[in-house]
């Protein structure tokens, strides 16, 4: 998505440890109009896949998942990083390692919200090493549902998580893929090579 690449170049900041800060529009302060445009693009990319639910993980993935769900007119579900008192009933659970936070989370989804027969699209803000999406895939499989694909706003192609998921047969269609990133340079993967 050319508009996203331009926004990253204009507003993004590369931090030590291969962290891309896009808090000005994606995961701290939200540019709602732009999020809705990203949601429409995700809906376009997966228009023929009969998606029935979108699944993400809290918290930064929620905004883009809701934008995609609104464009597709389907529910969005988010996996919680801990089973809290407002999660009742039985849950699917898995462990996800966060690259950004350097920690493991025990994520849960109530069984009532993810069911056999669902055709699930995974959506998140970032794709780095793929561990969050692998955890979400595990939750979908526990439910007896089907993963139709995954779309992340920004994929760090140089960390190869998306490539590994593609090799496993997951239809990963990220909106912007960064192949190289330094303090003063960001190189995007051509969209025709994904």
N, C-alpha and C. Protein backbone atom coordinates (compact mmCIF):
# COMPACT_ATOMS: atom_id res chain seq x y z
N UNK A 1 0.86 -1.17 0.00
CA UNK A 1 0.00 0.00 0.00
C UNK A 1 0.90 1.23 0.00
N UNK A 2 0.97 1.85 -1.15
CA UNK A 2 1.88 2.98 -1.34
C UNK A 2 1.65 4.10 -0.31
N UNK A 3 0.39 4.38 0.00
CA UNK A 3 0.11 5.45 0.97
C UNK A 3 0.68 5.12 2.35
N UNK A 4 0.67 3.85 2.72
CA UNK A 4 1.24 3.44 4.01
C UNK A 4 2.77 3.57 3.98
N UNK A 5 3.39 3.15 2.90
CA UNK A 5 4.84 3.30 2.78
C UNK A 5 5.24 4.77 2.92
N UNK A 6 4.50 5.65 2.25
CA UNK A 6 4.80 7.08 2.33
C UNK A 6 4.62 7.61 3.74
N UNK A 7 3.59 7.14 4.43
CA UNK A 7 3.33 7.58 5.81
C UNK A 7 4.44 7.09 6.74
N UNK A 8 4.90 5.87 6.53
CA UNK A 8 6.01 5.34 7.34
C UNK A 8 7.25 6.20 7.14
N UNK A 9 7.58 6.52 5.90
CA UNK A 9 8.76 7.34 5.62
C UNK A 9 8.63 8.73 6.21
N UNK A 10 7.43 9.28 6.18
CA UNK A 10 7.19 10.64 6.67
C UNK A 10 7.13 10.70 8.20
N UNK A 11 6.47 9.71 8.83
CA UNK A 11 6.19 9.81 10.26
C UNK A 11 6.88 8.76 11.13
N UNK A 12 7.45 7.74 10.52
CA UNK A 12 8.09 6.68 11.29
C UNK A 12 9.49 7.04 11.75
N UNK A 13 9.91 6.39 12.82
CA UNK A 13 11.27 6.57 13.35
C UNK A 13 11.84 5.20 13.66
N UNK A 14 13.07 4.96 13.20
CA UNK A 14 13.75 3.70 13.49
C UNK A 14 14.49 3.85 14.81
N UNK A 15 14.20 2.93 15.74
CA UNK A 15 14.84 2.93 17.05
C UNK A 15 15.83 1.76 17.14
N UNK A 16 16.75 1.81 18.09
CA UNK A 16 17.69 0.69 18.25
C UNK A 16 16.94 -0.63 18.44
N UNK A 17 17.55 -1.71 17.93
CA UNK A 17 16.96 -3.04 18.07
C UNK A 17 15.94 -3.36 16.98
N UNK A 18 16.05 -2.68 15.84
CA UNK A 18 15.13 -2.90 14.72
C UNK A 18 13.68 -2.64 15.08
N UNK A 19 13.45 -1.64 15.90
CA UNK A 19 12.10 -1.23 16.27
C UNK A 19 11.71 -0.04 15.39
N UNK A 20 10.54 -0.13 14.77
CA UNK A 20 10.01 0.98 13.98
C UNK A 20 8.89 1.62 14.78
N UNK A 21 9.09 2.89 15.13
CA UNK A 21 8.09 3.63 15.90
C UNK A 21 7.13 4.31 14.94
N UNK A 22 5.86 3.90 15.01
CA UNK A 22 4.81 4.51 14.19
C UNK A 22 3.64 4.90 15.09
N UNK A 23 3.99 5.33 16.29
CA UNK A 23 2.99 5.71 17.27
C UNK A 23 2.17 6.92 16.90
N UNK A 24 2.63 7.69 15.92
CA UNK A 24 1.89 8.90 15.53
C UNK A 24 0.63 8.59 14.73
N UNK A 25 0.50 7.33 14.23
CA UNK A 25 -0.70 7.03 13.45
C UNK A 25 -1.25 5.62 13.64
N UNK A 26 -0.45 4.67 14.17
CA UNK A 26 -0.90 3.28 14.15
C UNK A 26 -1.10 2.64 15.52
N UNK A 27 -0.17 2.85 16.44
CA UNK A 27 -0.29 2.08 17.68
C UNK A 27 -0.08 2.88 18.96
N UNK A 28 -0.31 4.17 18.90
CA UNK A 28 -0.37 4.98 20.12
C UNK A 28 -1.42 6.07 19.91
N UNK A 29 -1.12 7.00 19.05
CA UNK A 29 -2.13 7.93 18.56
C UNK A 29 -2.65 7.33 17.25
N UNK A 30 -3.96 7.30 17.08
CA UNK A 30 -4.54 6.62 15.92
C UNK A 30 -5.07 7.62 14.90
N UNK A 31 -4.65 7.45 13.65
CA UNK A 31 -5.19 8.21 12.54
C UNK A 31 -6.38 7.40 12.02
N UNK A 32 -7.57 7.72 12.54
CA UNK A 32 -8.76 6.90 12.28
C UNK A 32 -9.10 6.83 10.79
N UNK A 33 -9.02 7.94 10.09
CA UNK A 33 -9.32 7.92 8.65
C UNK A 33 -8.35 7.01 7.91
N UNK A 34 -7.07 7.10 8.26
CA UNK A 34 -6.08 6.27 7.58
C UNK A 34 -6.26 4.80 7.95
N UNK A 35 -6.59 4.53 9.21
CA UNK A 35 -6.87 3.15 9.61
C UNK A 35 -8.02 2.57 8.80
N UNK A 36 -9.05 3.36 8.56
CA UNK A 36 -10.18 2.88 7.76
C UNK A 36 -9.76 2.58 6.32
N UNK A 37 -8.83 3.36 5.79
CA UNK A 37 -8.31 3.08 4.44
C UNK A 37 -7.53 1.77 4.43
N UNK A 38 -6.74 1.53 5.48
CA UNK A 38 -6.02 0.26 5.58
C UNK A 38 -7.00 -0.90 5.71
N UNK A 39 -8.05 -0.71 6.49
CA UNK A 39 -9.07 -1.74 6.63
C UNK A 39 -9.73 -2.08 5.30
N UNK A 40 -10.01 -1.06 4.49
CA UNK A 40 -10.59 -1.29 3.16
C UNK A 40 -9.63 -2.07 2.27
N UNK A 41 -8.34 -1.76 2.37
CA UNK A 41 -7.36 -2.48 1.55
C UNK A 41 -7.28 -3.95 1.98
N UNK A 42 -7.31 -4.21 3.27
CA UNK A 42 -7.31 -5.61 3.74
C UNK A 42 -8.56 -6.32 3.24
N UNK A 43 -9.70 -5.65 3.31
CA UNK A 43 -10.95 -6.25 2.81
C UNK A 43 -10.83 -6.57 1.32
N UNK A 44 -10.21 -5.68 0.56
CA UNK A 44 -10.02 -5.92 -0.88
C UNK A 44 -9.13 -7.13 -1.12
N UNK A 45 -8.03 -7.22 -0.35
CA UNK A 45 -7.08 -8.31 -0.54
C UNK A 45 -7.69 -9.69 -0.27
N UNK A 46 -8.67 -9.73 0.63
CA UNK A 46 -9.26 -11.02 1.02
C UNK A 46 -10.74 -11.12 0.64
N UNK A 47 -11.15 -10.34 -0.36
CA UNK A 47 -12.57 -10.26 -0.75
C UNK A 47 -13.15 -11.61 -1.17
N UNK A 48 -12.39 -12.48 -1.76
CA UNK A 48 -12.92 -13.74 -2.25
C UNK A 48 -12.79 -14.91 -1.30
N UNK A 49 -12.43 -14.65 -0.06
CA UNK A 49 -12.11 -15.75 0.87
C UNK A 49 -13.21 -16.08 1.87
N UNK A 50 -14.39 -15.50 1.74
CA UNK A 50 -15.52 -15.77 2.63
C UNK A 50 -15.13 -15.73 4.12
N UNK A 51 -14.43 -14.68 4.50
CA UNK A 51 -13.99 -14.51 5.89
C UNK A 51 -15.22 -14.27 6.77
N UNK A 52 -15.30 -14.99 7.90
CA UNK A 52 -16.42 -14.80 8.83
C UNK A 52 -16.01 -14.08 10.11
N UNK A 53 -14.71 -14.09 10.44
CA UNK A 53 -14.22 -13.40 11.64
C UNK A 53 -12.79 -12.95 11.42
N UNK A 54 -12.47 -11.86 12.10
CA UNK A 54 -11.09 -11.40 12.15
C UNK A 54 -10.59 -11.65 13.56
N UNK A 55 -9.35 -12.15 13.67
CA UNK A 55 -8.74 -12.41 14.97
C UNK A 55 -7.43 -11.65 15.05
N UNK A 56 -7.23 -10.97 16.18
CA UNK A 56 -5.98 -10.26 16.45
C UNK A 56 -5.59 -10.53 17.90
N UNK A 57 -4.55 -9.85 18.33
CA UNK A 57 -4.08 -9.99 19.71
C UNK A 57 -4.00 -8.59 20.30
N UNK A 58 -4.35 -8.46 21.59
CA UNK A 58 -4.30 -7.12 22.19
C UNK A 58 -2.86 -6.66 22.32
N UNK A 59 -2.62 -5.41 22.29
CA UNK A 59 -3.60 -4.37 22.14
C UNK A 59 -3.43 -3.61 20.84
N UNK A 60 -2.20 -3.53 20.33
CA UNK A 60 -1.96 -2.68 19.16
C UNK A 60 -2.63 -3.19 17.89
N UNK A 61 -2.98 -4.45 17.82
CA UNK A 61 -3.64 -4.97 16.64
C UNK A 61 -5.11 -4.66 16.57
N UNK A 62 -5.70 -4.25 17.68
CA UNK A 62 -7.15 -4.08 17.73
C UNK A 62 -7.65 -3.02 16.75
N UNK A 63 -6.99 -1.90 16.68
CA UNK A 63 -7.48 -0.81 15.83
C UNK A 63 -7.55 -1.22 14.36
N UNK A 64 -6.49 -1.82 13.85
CA UNK A 64 -6.51 -2.20 12.44
C UNK A 64 -7.46 -3.38 12.20
N UNK A 65 -7.59 -4.27 13.19
CA UNK A 65 -8.55 -5.38 13.06
C UNK A 65 -9.97 -4.86 12.99
N UNK A 66 -10.30 -3.88 13.80
CA UNK A 66 -11.64 -3.29 13.77
C UNK A 66 -11.89 -2.58 12.44
N UNK A 67 -10.88 -1.88 11.92
CA UNK A 67 -11.03 -1.21 10.63
C UNK A 67 -11.31 -2.22 9.52
N UNK A 68 -10.58 -3.33 9.52
CA UNK A 68 -10.81 -4.38 8.51
C UNK A 68 -12.18 -5.03 8.71
N UNK A 69 -12.54 -5.29 9.96
CA UNK A 69 -13.85 -5.89 10.24
C UNK A 69 -14.99 -4.98 9.80
N UNK A 70 -14.83 -3.68 10.01
CA UNK A 70 -15.86 -2.73 9.58
C UNK A 70 -16.00 -2.75 8.06
N UNK A 71 -14.87 -2.81 7.37
CA UNK A 71 -14.91 -2.85 5.90
C UNK A 71 -15.52 -4.14 5.38
N UNK A 72 -15.37 -5.23 6.14
CA UNK A 72 -15.89 -6.53 5.71
C UNK A 72 -17.26 -6.85 6.32
N UNK A 73 -17.70 -6.00 7.26
CA UNK A 73 -19.00 -6.19 7.94
C UNK A 73 -19.08 -7.54 8.66
N UNK A 74 -18.01 -7.84 9.40
CA UNK A 74 -17.93 -9.07 10.19
C UNK A 74 -17.38 -8.73 11.57
N UNK A 75 -17.50 -9.64 12.53
CA UNK A 75 -16.94 -9.36 13.87
C UNK A 75 -15.42 -9.45 13.92
N UNK A 76 -14.85 -8.68 14.82
CA UNK A 76 -13.43 -8.80 15.16
C UNK A 76 -13.34 -9.34 16.58
N UNK A 77 -12.42 -10.27 16.78
CA UNK A 77 -12.18 -10.87 18.08
C UNK A 77 -10.71 -10.62 18.42
N UNK A 78 -10.43 -10.29 19.68
CA UNK A 78 -9.02 -10.17 20.04
C UNK A 78 -8.68 -11.11 21.18
N UNK A 79 -7.52 -11.73 21.03
CA UNK A 79 -6.99 -12.60 22.07
C UNK A 79 -6.45 -11.72 23.19
N UNK A 80 -6.83 -12.05 24.42
CA UNK A 80 -6.36 -11.29 25.58
C UNK A 80 -5.05 -11.90 26.08
N UNK A 81 -4.16 -11.03 26.53
CA UNK A 81 -2.84 -11.49 26.97
C UNK A 81 -2.86 -12.14 28.34
N UNK A 82 -3.96 -12.04 29.04
CA UNK A 82 -4.12 -12.73 30.32
C UNK A 82 -5.60 -13.01 30.52
N UNK A 83 -5.92 -14.08 31.20
CA UNK A 83 -7.32 -14.35 31.51
C UNK A 83 -7.70 -13.47 32.70
N UNK A 84 -8.54 -12.48 32.41
CA UNK A 84 -8.95 -11.54 33.44
C UNK A 84 -10.31 -11.93 33.99
N UNK A 85 -10.77 -11.20 35.00
CA UNK A 85 -12.04 -11.53 35.65
C UNK A 85 -13.24 -11.33 34.74
N UNK A 86 -13.08 -10.55 33.67
CA UNK A 86 -14.21 -10.37 32.76
C UNK A 86 -14.24 -11.41 31.64
N UNK A 87 -13.35 -12.38 31.70
CA UNK A 87 -13.37 -13.52 30.76
C UNK A 87 -14.01 -14.68 31.49
N UNK A 88 -15.21 -15.02 31.07
CA UNK A 88 -15.93 -16.10 31.75
C UNK A 88 -16.00 -17.31 30.83
N UNK A 89 -16.20 -18.44 31.41
CA UNK A 89 -16.36 -19.65 30.62
C UNK A 89 -15.05 -20.24 30.18
N UNK A 90 -15.16 -21.20 29.27
CA UNK A 90 -13.99 -21.92 28.79
C UNK A 90 -13.26 -21.09 27.74
N UNK A 91 -11.96 -21.29 27.68
CA UNK A 91 -11.13 -20.52 26.76
C UNK A 91 -10.19 -21.44 25.98
N UNK A 92 -9.80 -20.96 24.80
CA UNK A 92 -8.65 -21.52 24.10
C UNK A 92 -7.47 -20.71 24.60
N UNK A 93 -6.31 -21.37 24.77
CA UNK A 93 -5.14 -20.65 25.27
C UNK A 93 -3.89 -21.13 24.56
N UNK A 94 -2.94 -20.22 24.46
CA UNK A 94 -1.64 -20.53 23.88
C UNK A 94 -0.62 -19.54 24.44
N UNK A 95 0.65 -19.80 24.18
CA UNK A 95 1.72 -18.90 24.62
C UNK A 95 2.30 -18.22 23.39
N UNK A 96 2.47 -16.89 23.49
CA UNK A 96 3.01 -16.09 22.39
C UNK A 96 4.19 -15.30 22.92
N UNK A 97 5.30 -15.34 22.17
CA UNK A 97 6.46 -14.53 22.54
C UNK A 97 6.40 -13.21 21.80
N UNK A 98 6.51 -12.10 22.52
CA UNK A 98 6.50 -10.77 21.93
C UNK A 98 7.93 -10.31 21.67
N UNK A 99 8.24 -10.06 20.38
CA UNK A 99 9.55 -9.53 20.01
C UNK A 99 9.76 -8.15 20.62
N UNK A 100 8.75 -7.29 20.51
CA UNK A 100 8.87 -5.91 20.98
C UNK A 100 9.09 -5.84 22.48
N UNK A 101 8.35 -6.65 23.24
CA UNK A 101 8.43 -6.59 24.70
C UNK A 101 9.39 -7.60 25.30
N UNK A 102 9.86 -8.55 24.50
CA UNK A 102 10.82 -9.54 24.98
C UNK A 102 10.27 -10.42 26.09
N UNK A 103 9.00 -10.77 25.99
CA UNK A 103 8.37 -11.59 27.03
C UNK A 103 7.36 -12.55 26.40
N UNK A 104 6.97 -13.55 27.18
CA UNK A 104 5.94 -14.48 26.75
C UNK A 104 4.61 -14.09 27.38
N UNK A 105 3.54 -14.21 26.58
CA UNK A 105 2.18 -13.94 27.07
C UNK A 105 1.36 -15.21 26.93
N UNK A 106 0.52 -15.47 27.94
CA UNK A 106 -0.44 -16.56 27.88
C UNK A 106 -1.74 -15.95 27.37
N UNK A 107 -2.02 -16.13 26.08
CA UNK A 107 -3.17 -15.46 25.48
C UNK A 107 -4.37 -16.40 25.46
N UNK A 108 -5.55 -15.79 25.57
CA UNK A 108 -6.79 -16.57 25.63
C UNK A 108 -7.87 -15.93 24.76
N UNK A 109 -8.75 -16.79 24.26
CA UNK A 109 -9.98 -16.37 23.59
C UNK A 109 -11.09 -17.24 24.13
N UNK A 110 -12.19 -16.62 24.52
CA UNK A 110 -13.34 -17.40 24.98
C UNK A 110 -13.85 -18.29 23.85
N UNK A 111 -14.16 -19.53 24.18
CA UNK A 111 -14.60 -20.49 23.18
C UNK A 111 -15.88 -20.04 22.47
N UNK A 112 -16.70 -19.26 23.14
CA UNK A 112 -17.94 -18.78 22.52
C UNK A 112 -17.69 -17.82 21.35
N UNK A 113 -16.48 -17.23 21.27
CA UNK A 113 -16.21 -16.23 20.26
C UNK A 113 -15.43 -16.73 19.06
N UNK A 114 -14.97 -17.98 19.10
CA UNK A 114 -14.22 -18.58 18.01
C UNK A 114 -14.72 -20.01 17.87
N UNK A 115 -15.36 -20.31 16.75
CA UNK A 115 -16.09 -21.58 16.63
C UNK A 115 -15.66 -22.38 15.41
N UNK A 116 -15.87 -23.68 15.49
CA UNK A 116 -15.66 -24.54 14.34
C UNK A 116 -16.52 -24.03 13.20
N UNK A 117 -15.97 -24.04 12.02
CA UNK A 117 -16.70 -23.52 10.87
C UNK A 117 -16.36 -22.08 10.54
N UNK A 118 -15.77 -21.34 11.48
CA UNK A 118 -15.36 -19.98 11.18
C UNK A 118 -14.22 -20.00 10.16
N UNK A 119 -14.24 -19.00 9.30
CA UNK A 119 -13.15 -18.76 8.35
C UNK A 119 -12.48 -17.47 8.82
N UNK A 120 -11.30 -17.62 9.39
CA UNK A 120 -10.68 -16.55 10.18
C UNK A 120 -9.53 -15.89 9.42
N UNK A 121 -9.57 -14.57 9.41
CA UNK A 121 -8.47 -13.76 8.90
C UNK A 121 -7.72 -13.19 10.09
N UNK A 122 -6.42 -13.42 10.15
CA UNK A 122 -5.59 -12.87 11.22
C UNK A 122 -5.12 -11.48 10.82
N UNK A 123 -5.23 -10.51 11.72
CA UNK A 123 -4.83 -9.14 11.42
C UNK A 123 -4.02 -8.61 12.61
N UNK A 124 -2.93 -7.89 12.31
CA UNK A 124 -2.13 -7.30 13.38
C UNK A 124 -1.45 -6.05 12.85
N UNK A 125 -0.85 -5.29 13.76
CA UNK A 125 -0.16 -4.08 13.33
C UNK A 125 1.20 -4.41 12.73
N UNK A 126 1.97 -5.29 13.38
CA UNK A 126 3.30 -5.65 12.92
C UNK A 126 3.45 -7.15 12.77
N UNK A 127 4.30 -7.54 11.83
CA UNK A 127 4.74 -8.93 11.67
C UNK A 127 6.26 -8.89 11.64
N UNK A 128 6.89 -9.47 12.65
CA UNK A 128 8.36 -9.51 12.71
C UNK A 128 8.82 -10.97 12.58
N UNK A 129 8.86 -11.68 13.70
CA UNK A 129 9.29 -13.07 13.65
C UNK A 129 8.14 -14.05 13.49
N UNK A 130 6.92 -13.57 13.52
CA UNK A 130 5.75 -14.41 13.25
C UNK A 130 5.18 -15.13 14.45
N UNK A 131 5.73 -14.91 15.63
CA UNK A 131 5.28 -15.66 16.81
C UNK A 131 3.84 -15.32 17.20
N UNK A 132 3.45 -14.05 17.09
CA UNK A 132 2.07 -13.69 17.43
C UNK A 132 1.09 -14.39 16.49
N UNK A 133 1.39 -14.37 15.19
CA UNK A 133 0.49 -15.03 14.25
C UNK A 133 0.48 -16.54 14.45
N UNK A 134 1.63 -17.13 14.78
CA UNK A 134 1.66 -18.57 15.07
C UNK A 134 0.76 -18.90 16.26
N UNK A 135 0.78 -18.05 17.27
CA UNK A 135 -0.08 -18.26 18.43
C UNK A 135 -1.55 -18.15 18.05
N UNK A 136 -1.88 -17.16 17.21
CA UNK A 136 -3.26 -17.01 16.77
C UNK A 136 -3.70 -18.21 15.92
N UNK A 137 -2.81 -18.71 15.09
CA UNK A 137 -3.11 -19.91 14.30
C UNK A 137 -3.43 -21.07 15.22
N UNK A 138 -2.66 -21.21 16.29
CA UNK A 138 -2.91 -22.28 17.27
C UNK A 138 -4.31 -22.15 17.87
N UNK A 139 -4.72 -20.93 18.22
CA UNK A 139 -6.06 -20.73 18.78
C UNK A 139 -7.14 -21.11 17.77
N UNK A 140 -6.96 -20.71 16.51
CA UNK A 140 -7.93 -21.04 15.47
C UNK A 140 -8.02 -22.56 15.29
N UNK A 141 -6.89 -23.22 15.28
CA UNK A 141 -6.89 -24.68 15.12
C UNK A 141 -7.54 -25.37 16.31
N UNK A 142 -7.33 -24.85 17.52
CA UNK A 142 -7.99 -25.42 18.70
C UNK A 142 -9.50 -25.35 18.56
N UNK A 143 -9.98 -24.29 17.91
CA UNK A 143 -11.43 -24.10 17.75
C UNK A 143 -12.00 -24.95 16.61
N UNK A 144 -11.15 -25.55 15.82
CA UNK A 144 -11.63 -26.30 14.67
C UNK A 144 -12.02 -25.39 13.52
N UNK A 145 -11.56 -24.16 13.55
CA UNK A 145 -11.84 -23.19 12.50
C UNK A 145 -10.70 -23.23 11.47
N UNK A 146 -10.82 -22.40 10.43
CA UNK A 146 -9.85 -22.38 9.34
C UNK A 146 -9.23 -21.00 9.24
N UNK A 147 -7.91 -20.94 9.13
CA UNK A 147 -7.21 -19.69 8.86
C UNK A 147 -7.20 -19.48 7.35
N UNK A 148 -7.83 -18.40 6.88
CA UNK A 148 -7.84 -18.12 5.45
C UNK A 148 -6.65 -17.27 5.03
N UNK A 149 -6.02 -16.61 5.99
CA UNK A 149 -4.86 -15.80 5.68
C UNK A 149 -4.54 -14.85 6.82
N UNK A 150 -3.54 -14.01 6.56
CA UNK A 150 -3.10 -13.04 7.56
C UNK A 150 -2.72 -11.75 6.86
N UNK A 151 -3.04 -10.63 7.49
CA UNK A 151 -2.65 -9.34 6.96
C UNK A 151 -2.17 -8.46 8.11
N UNK A 152 -0.98 -7.95 7.96
CA UNK A 152 -0.44 -7.04 8.95
C UNK A 152 -0.18 -5.70 8.27
N UNK A 153 -0.31 -4.64 9.02
CA UNK A 153 -0.04 -3.32 8.45
C UNK A 153 1.40 -3.27 7.97
N UNK A 154 2.34 -3.62 8.84
CA UNK A 154 3.76 -3.50 8.53
C UNK A 154 4.45 -4.82 8.82
N UNK A 155 5.11 -5.36 7.81
CA UNK A 155 5.89 -6.59 7.97
C UNK A 155 7.37 -6.25 7.87
N UNK A 156 8.13 -6.71 8.85
CA UNK A 156 9.58 -6.56 8.80
C UNK A 156 10.13 -7.78 8.07
N UNK A 157 10.23 -7.66 6.75
CA UNK A 157 10.63 -8.79 5.91
C UNK A 157 12.00 -9.34 6.26
N UNK A 158 12.89 -8.50 6.76
CA UNK A 158 14.24 -8.92 7.11
C UNK A 158 14.28 -9.82 8.34
N UNK A 159 13.16 -9.94 9.06
CA UNK A 159 13.09 -10.86 10.20
C UNK A 159 12.45 -12.19 9.82
N UNK A 160 11.94 -12.29 8.61
CA UNK A 160 11.53 -13.53 7.94
C UNK A 160 10.35 -14.28 8.55
N UNK A 161 9.64 -13.70 9.51
CA UNK A 161 8.46 -14.38 10.05
C UNK A 161 7.39 -14.59 8.99
N UNK A 162 7.16 -13.57 8.17
CA UNK A 162 6.18 -13.69 7.11
C UNK A 162 6.58 -14.72 6.08
N UNK A 163 7.86 -14.76 5.74
CA UNK A 163 8.34 -15.75 4.77
C UNK A 163 8.13 -17.18 5.29
N UNK A 164 8.41 -17.39 6.59
CA UNK A 164 8.22 -18.73 7.17
C UNK A 164 6.74 -19.13 7.15
N UNK A 165 5.87 -18.18 7.45
CA UNK A 165 4.43 -18.47 7.41
C UNK A 165 3.96 -18.77 5.99
N UNK A 166 4.47 -18.03 5.02
CA UNK A 166 4.12 -18.29 3.62
C UNK A 166 4.58 -19.69 3.21
N UNK A 167 5.79 -20.08 3.65
CA UNK A 167 6.31 -21.42 3.34
C UNK A 167 5.41 -22.51 3.92
N UNK A 168 4.72 -22.21 5.03
CA UNK A 168 3.80 -23.17 5.65
C UNK A 168 2.41 -23.13 5.00
N UNK A 169 2.24 -22.28 3.97
CA UNK A 169 0.98 -22.22 3.26
C UNK A 169 0.00 -21.16 3.72
N UNK A 170 0.41 -20.28 4.63
CA UNK A 170 -0.46 -19.21 5.10
C UNK A 170 -0.41 -18.07 4.07
N UNK A 171 -1.55 -17.62 3.62
CA UNK A 171 -1.64 -16.50 2.68
C UNK A 171 -1.41 -15.20 3.44
N UNK A 172 -0.15 -14.77 3.51
CA UNK A 172 0.20 -13.53 4.21
C UNK A 172 0.25 -12.40 3.19
N UNK A 173 -0.59 -11.39 3.41
CA UNK A 173 -0.64 -10.22 2.53
C UNK A 173 -0.54 -8.96 3.38
N UNK A 174 0.67 -8.56 3.67
CA UNK A 174 0.89 -7.37 4.49
C UNK A 174 0.77 -6.12 3.62
N UNK A 175 0.41 -5.00 4.26
CA UNK A 175 0.19 -3.77 3.51
C UNK A 175 1.49 -3.08 3.12
N UNK A 176 2.53 -3.23 3.94
CA UNK A 176 3.86 -2.70 3.62
C UNK A 176 4.88 -3.69 4.18
N UNK A 177 5.85 -4.07 3.35
CA UNK A 177 6.90 -4.99 3.79
C UNK A 177 8.23 -4.27 3.69
N UNK A 178 8.92 -4.20 4.82
CA UNK A 178 10.23 -3.55 4.88
C UNK A 178 11.29 -4.63 4.76
N UNK A 179 12.13 -4.52 3.71
CA UNK A 179 13.21 -5.49 3.52
C UNK A 179 14.50 -5.07 4.19
N UNK A 180 14.72 -3.77 4.34
CA UNK A 180 15.92 -3.27 5.00
C UNK A 180 15.55 -2.02 5.79
N UNK A 181 16.18 -1.90 6.97
CA UNK A 181 15.87 -0.75 7.82
C UNK A 181 17.11 -0.37 8.61
N UNK A 182 17.52 0.90 8.49
CA UNK A 182 18.61 1.44 9.28
C UNK A 182 18.13 2.77 9.86
N UNK A 183 18.99 3.42 10.64
CA UNK A 183 18.63 4.70 11.25
C UNK A 183 18.16 5.73 10.22
N UNK A 184 18.75 5.69 9.03
CA UNK A 184 18.43 6.74 8.04
C UNK A 184 17.85 6.20 6.73
N UNK A 185 17.44 4.92 6.71
CA UNK A 185 16.94 4.36 5.47
C UNK A 185 15.94 3.22 5.72
N UNK A 186 14.85 3.24 4.95
CA UNK A 186 13.89 2.15 4.97
C UNK A 186 13.66 1.75 3.51
N UNK A 187 13.86 0.46 3.23
CA UNK A 187 13.68 -0.06 1.88
C UNK A 187 12.51 -1.02 1.90
N UNK A 188 11.50 -0.74 1.06
CA UNK A 188 10.30 -1.57 1.00
C UNK A 188 10.43 -2.64 -0.08
N UNK A 189 9.82 -3.78 0.17
CA UNK A 189 9.74 -4.85 -0.83
C UNK A 189 8.72 -4.43 -1.89
N UNK A 190 9.07 -4.60 -3.16
CA UNK A 190 8.08 -4.28 -4.21
C UNK A 190 6.83 -5.12 -4.02
N UNK A 191 5.67 -4.49 -4.16
CA UNK A 191 4.41 -5.18 -3.91
C UNK A 191 4.15 -6.32 -4.86
N UNK A 192 4.75 -6.31 -6.05
CA UNK A 192 4.53 -7.40 -7.00
C UNK A 192 5.35 -8.64 -6.67
N UNK A 193 6.21 -8.57 -5.65
CA UNK A 193 7.05 -9.74 -5.29
C UNK A 193 6.50 -10.51 -4.10
N UNK A 194 5.30 -10.14 -3.61
CA UNK A 194 4.73 -10.84 -2.44
C UNK A 194 3.73 -11.86 -2.86
